[in-house]
Amino acid sequence: MPVHDSPAERGARRGRLLTNRIATDLESARIAAGLSIRELARQLGVDRERIKRVLHAEANALTLDLGARVAAVLGLELSALLHHEGAPVRDKGHLALLERLRARLSLALRWRTEVPIPIAGDRRSGDAVISGSDFEIHVEAETHLGDIQALERAIAAKQRDLGIDRVILLVADTRHNREVVKRVEELRRRFPVTTRACLIALAAGRDPGGDALVII
């Protein structure tokens, strides 16, 4: 049976890989520059043993700050980027929001959570999928609305990759979120079906008839 590691374990493994890779590149650059470890440490104002530990990729020796400084002395620039690789771990508020919607569904509808994207190696998942006799709806839940354009792009990408035409943007009923919805007209255009109309349809086991913005 395959063993599934946690996001934290995957992150730790990735951290070790990056540490080894950076240390190898820094050591290669040091040798190519003909710079001794002692001189490198002097240039940085850092203990020689600390630099040795960094270049040997020892645990906890390399920090972003020190790595960037070592790289600069060696004529390099340390760069770090973040890429979407999977769904973030959800908190209790997010799970409670999904449960509030699930409780409003007809018993005739099927409810699934953390539905994986059917692409090899893709760790993303839809927050939930509602299935009826002749329709499916992808549900994305947000407890706190932030970057709306980024959110819309992420939802559109998941819709495409899940192969589901219909989507519900499920939003926690907070003052902040209502102010955002009121201010950003694009949200109402992108998700034209109202909370009331969507919930009535789902309670009856029907397709809401369009993409919906549900605030509960």
Protein backbone atom coordinates (compact mmCIF):
# COMPACT_ATOMS: atom_id res chain seq x y z
CA MET A 1 0.00 0.00 0.00
CA PRO A 2 1.48 3.41 -0.97
CA VAL A 3 2.49 5.75 1.85
CA HIS A 4 1.19 9.32 1.56
CA ASP A 5 3.31 11.89 3.34
CA SER A 6 1.89 15.09 4.78
CA PRO A 7 2.36 18.56 3.24
CA ALA A 8 4.81 19.37 6.05
CA GLU A 9 6.84 16.24 5.27
CA ARG A 10 6.87 17.07 1.55
CA GLY A 11 8.01 20.58 2.43
CA ALA A 12 10.81 19.27 4.63
CA ARG A 13 12.00 16.97 1.85
CA ARG A 14 11.91 19.85 -0.63
CA GLY A 15 13.83 22.02 1.83
CA ARG A 16 16.62 19.44 2.11
CA LEU A 17 16.82 19.13 -1.67
CA LEU A 18 17.08 22.90 -2.15
CA THR A 19 19.65 23.25 0.64
CA ASN A 20 21.85 20.60 -0.98
CA ARG A 21 21.45 22.18 -4.40
CA ILE A 22 22.30 25.69 -3.21
CA ALA A 23 25.27 24.47 -1.16
CA THR A 24 26.65 22.58 -4.17
CA ASP A 25 26.29 25.65 -6.42
CA LEU A 26 27.94 27.93 -3.86
CA GLU A 27 30.85 25.57 -3.33
CA SER A 28 31.36 25.22 -7.09
CA ALA A 29 31.35 29.02 -7.45
CA ARG A 30 33.84 29.39 -4.57
CA ILE A 31 36.24 26.92 -6.15
CA ALA A 32 35.86 28.55 -9.59
CA ALA A 33 36.62 31.95 -8.04
CA GLY A 34 39.74 30.58 -6.32
CA LEU A 35 38.48 31.88 -2.98
CA SER A 36 39.38 30.07 0.23
CA ILE A 37 36.74 29.37 2.85
CA ARG A 38 38.73 31.53 5.26
CA GLU A 39 38.69 34.50 2.87
CA LEU A 40 35.01 33.99 2.07
CA ALA A 41 34.21 34.01 5.77
CA ARG A 42 36.31 37.16 6.25
CA GLN A 43 34.48 38.96 3.44
CA LEU A 44 31.19 38.09 5.08
CA GLY A 45 32.22 38.74 8.66
CA VAL A 46 31.09 35.24 9.55
CA ASP A 47 32.83 32.47 11.44
CA ARG A 48 34.80 30.13 9.14
CA GLU A 49 33.16 27.03 10.62
CA ARG A 50 29.72 28.47 9.85
CA ILE A 51 30.65 28.90 6.20
CA LYS A 52 32.02 25.34 6.08
CA ARG A 53 28.70 24.08 7.43
CA VAL A 54 26.80 26.06 4.79
CA LEU A 55 28.94 24.72 1.95
CA HIS A 56 28.56 21.18 3.30
CA ALA A 57 24.75 21.61 3.44
CA GLU A 58 24.62 20.83 7.14
CA ALA A 59 21.23 21.08 8.83
CA ASN A 60 20.12 24.60 9.83
CA ALA A 61 23.36 26.21 8.64
CA LEU A 62 21.96 27.89 5.53
CA THR A 63 19.50 30.75 5.90
CA LEU A 64 18.10 32.86 3.06
CA ASP A 65 19.98 35.89 4.39
CA LEU A 66 23.34 34.13 4.63
CA GLY A 67 22.84 32.29 1.35
CA ALA A 68 22.13 35.57 -0.45
CA ARG A 69 25.23 37.18 1.09
CA VAL A 70 27.51 34.26 0.18
CA ALA A 71 26.11 34.27 -3.35
CA ALA A 72 26.72 38.02 -3.73
CA VAL A 73 30.37 37.71 -2.66
CA LEU A 74 30.77 34.96 -5.28
CA GLY A 75 29.20 37.09 -8.02
CA LEU A 76 25.85 35.32 -7.90
CA GLU A 77 22.32 36.30 -6.97
CA LEU A 78 20.15 33.97 -4.90
CA SER A 79 16.59 33.77 -6.22
CA ALA A 80 13.53 32.18 -4.63
CA LEU A 81 10.10 31.74 -6.19
CA LEU A 82 6.87 30.16 -4.98
CA HIS A 83 4.70 28.06 -7.30
CA HIS A 84 1.28 26.53 -6.81
CA GLU A 85 1.88 22.83 -6.18
CA GLY A 86 -1.16 21.67 -4.27
CA ALA A 87 -4.09 22.70 -2.14
CA PRO A 88 -3.21 24.41 1.15
CA VAL A 89 -4.12 22.80 4.44
CA ARG A 90 -7.55 24.12 5.39
CA ASP A 91 -8.49 25.50 8.78
CA LYS A 92 -11.60 24.86 10.86
CA GLY A 93 -13.33 27.95 9.48
CA HIS A 94 -12.94 26.70 5.92
CA LEU A 95 -14.25 23.25 6.81
CA ALA A 96 -17.18 24.78 8.70
CA LEU A 97 -18.06 26.92 5.67
CA LEU A 98 -18.18 23.86 3.43
CA GLU A 99 -20.31 22.04 6.00
CA ARG A 100 -22.83 24.90 6.04
CA LEU A 101 -23.36 24.43 2.31
CA ARG A 102 -23.50 20.65 2.54
CA ALA A 103 -26.26 20.92 5.14
CA ARG A 104 -28.41 22.86 2.65
CA LEU A 105 -28.27 20.23 -0.10
CA SER A 106 -31.01 17.84 -1.12
CA LEU A 107 -30.31 14.26 -0.05
CA ALA A 108 -30.57 13.38 -3.74
CA LEU A 109 -27.29 15.18 -4.40
CA ARG A 110 -23.86 13.66 -3.90
CA TRP A 111 -21.22 15.66 -1.99
CA ARG A 112 -17.47 15.04 -2.25
CA THR A 113 -14.65 17.09 -0.74
CA GLU A 114 -10.98 17.52 -1.68
CA VAL A 115 -11.64 16.18 -5.18
CA PRO A 116 -8.23 15.65 -6.86
CA ILE A 117 -7.39 17.14 -10.25
CA PRO A 118 -7.18 14.16 -12.65
CA ILE A 119 -3.72 15.06 -13.97
CA ALA A 120 -0.67 12.96 -13.10
CA GLY A 121 1.57 14.74 -10.61
CA ASP A 122 -0.93 17.56 -9.99
CA ARG A 123 -1.60 17.91 -6.25
CA ARG A 124 -4.38 20.50 -6.58
CA SER A 125 -7.93 19.60 -5.66
CA GLY A 126 -11.36 21.14 -5.80
CA ASP A 127 -12.72 22.03 -2.37
CA ALA A 128 -15.92 20.11 -3.13
CA VAL A 129 -17.98 18.73 -6.00
CA ILE A 130 -21.78 18.45 -5.98
CA SER A 131 -23.22 15.83 -8.32
CA GLY A 132 -26.82 15.54 -9.49
CA SER A 133 -28.46 13.19 -11.96
CA ASP A 134 -27.35 15.26 -14.95
CA PHE A 135 -25.02 17.95 -13.62
CA GLU A 136 -21.87 18.55 -11.58
CA ILE A 137 -20.82 21.68 -9.72
CA HIS A 138 -17.33 22.55 -8.57
CA VAL A 139 -17.31 24.38 -5.21
CA GLU A 140 -14.49 26.68 -4.12
CA ALA A 141 -14.73 28.07 -0.58
CA GLU A 142 -13.18 31.32 0.66
CA THR A 143 -13.33 32.46 4.27
CA HIS A 144 -11.59 35.78 3.49
CA LEU A 145 -11.66 37.35 0.03
CA GLY A 146 -8.34 38.82 -1.06
CA ASP A 147 -6.86 39.04 -4.56
CA ILE A 148 -9.99 38.62 -6.70
CA GLN A 149 -8.18 38.33 -10.03
CA ALA A 150 -5.89 35.60 -8.69
CA LEU A 151 -8.91 33.82 -7.21
CA GLU A 152 -10.79 33.93 -10.51
CA ARG A 153 -7.77 32.58 -12.39
CA ALA A 154 -7.35 29.72 -9.90
CA ILE A 155 -11.04 28.82 -10.10
CA ALA A 156 -11.03 28.92 -13.91
CA ALA A 157 -7.95 26.67 -14.02
CA LYS A 158 -9.52 24.14 -11.65
CA GLN A 159 -12.79 24.18 -13.61
CA ARG A 160 -10.90 23.45 -16.79
CA ASP A 161 -8.75 20.70 -15.31
CA LEU A 162 -11.61 19.06 -13.39
CA GLY A 163 -13.71 19.16 -16.57
CA ILE A 164 -16.69 20.69 -14.73
CA ASP A 165 -18.61 23.56 -16.36
CA ARG A 166 -20.53 24.85 -13.34
CA VAL A 167 -18.95 26.49 -10.29
CA ILE A 168 -20.04 27.91 -6.94
CA LEU A 169 -17.85 30.47 -5.21
CA LEU A 170 -18.73 29.84 -1.57
CA VAL A 171 -17.92 32.80 0.68
CA ALA A 172 -18.14 33.17 4.45
CA ASP A 173 -20.73 35.74 5.53
CA THR A 174 -18.50 38.42 7.08
CA ARG A 175 -18.54 42.19 6.90
CA HIS A 176 -15.25 42.23 5.00
CA ASN A 177 -16.43 39.74 2.39
CA ARG A 178 -19.75 41.53 1.83
CA GLU A 179 -17.90 44.82 1.32
CA VAL A 180 -15.61 43.17 -1.24
CA VAL A 181 -18.55 41.63 -3.12
CA LYS A 182 -20.35 44.99 -3.13
CA ARG A 183 -17.27 46.81 -4.37
CA VAL A 184 -16.11 44.34 -7.05
CA GLU A 185 -18.77 44.28 -9.74
CA GLU A 186 -16.79 41.70 -11.74
CA LEU A 187 -17.57 39.09 -9.08
CA ARG A 188 -21.30 39.53 -9.58
CA ARG A 189 -20.90 39.32 -13.36
CA ARG A 190 -18.70 36.23 -13.16
CA PHE A 191 -21.07 34.49 -10.71
CA PRO A 192 -24.54 35.75 -11.70
CA VAL A 193 -26.72 33.29 -9.74
CA THR A 194 -27.56 34.71 -6.31
CA THR A 195 -27.19 32.99 -2.96
CA ARG A 196 -30.96 32.61 -2.53
CA ALA A 197 -31.58 31.23 -6.04
CA CYS A 198 -28.69 28.78 -5.77
CA LEU A 199 -29.65 27.45 -2.34
CA ILE A 200 -33.30 27.00 -3.37
CA ALA A 201 -32.19 24.99 -6.42
CA LEU A 202 -29.76 22.82 -4.46
CA ALA A 203 -32.31 22.15 -1.72
CA ALA A 204 -34.62 20.85 -4.44
CA GLY A 205 -31.84 18.78 -6.02
CA ARG A 206 -31.75 20.98 -9.13
CA ASP A 207 -29.00 22.60 -11.16
CA PRO A 208 -28.80 26.31 -10.22
CA GLY A 209 -28.58 27.11 -13.92
CA GLY A 210 -25.34 29.09 -13.84
CA ASP A 211 -22.24 29.94 -11.87
CA ALA A 212 -23.17 31.15 -8.41
CA LEU A 213 -21.82 33.34 -5.63
CA VAL A 214 -23.10 31.91 -2.34
CA ILE A 215 -22.56 33.85 0.88
CA ILE A 216 -23.41 31.90 4.04
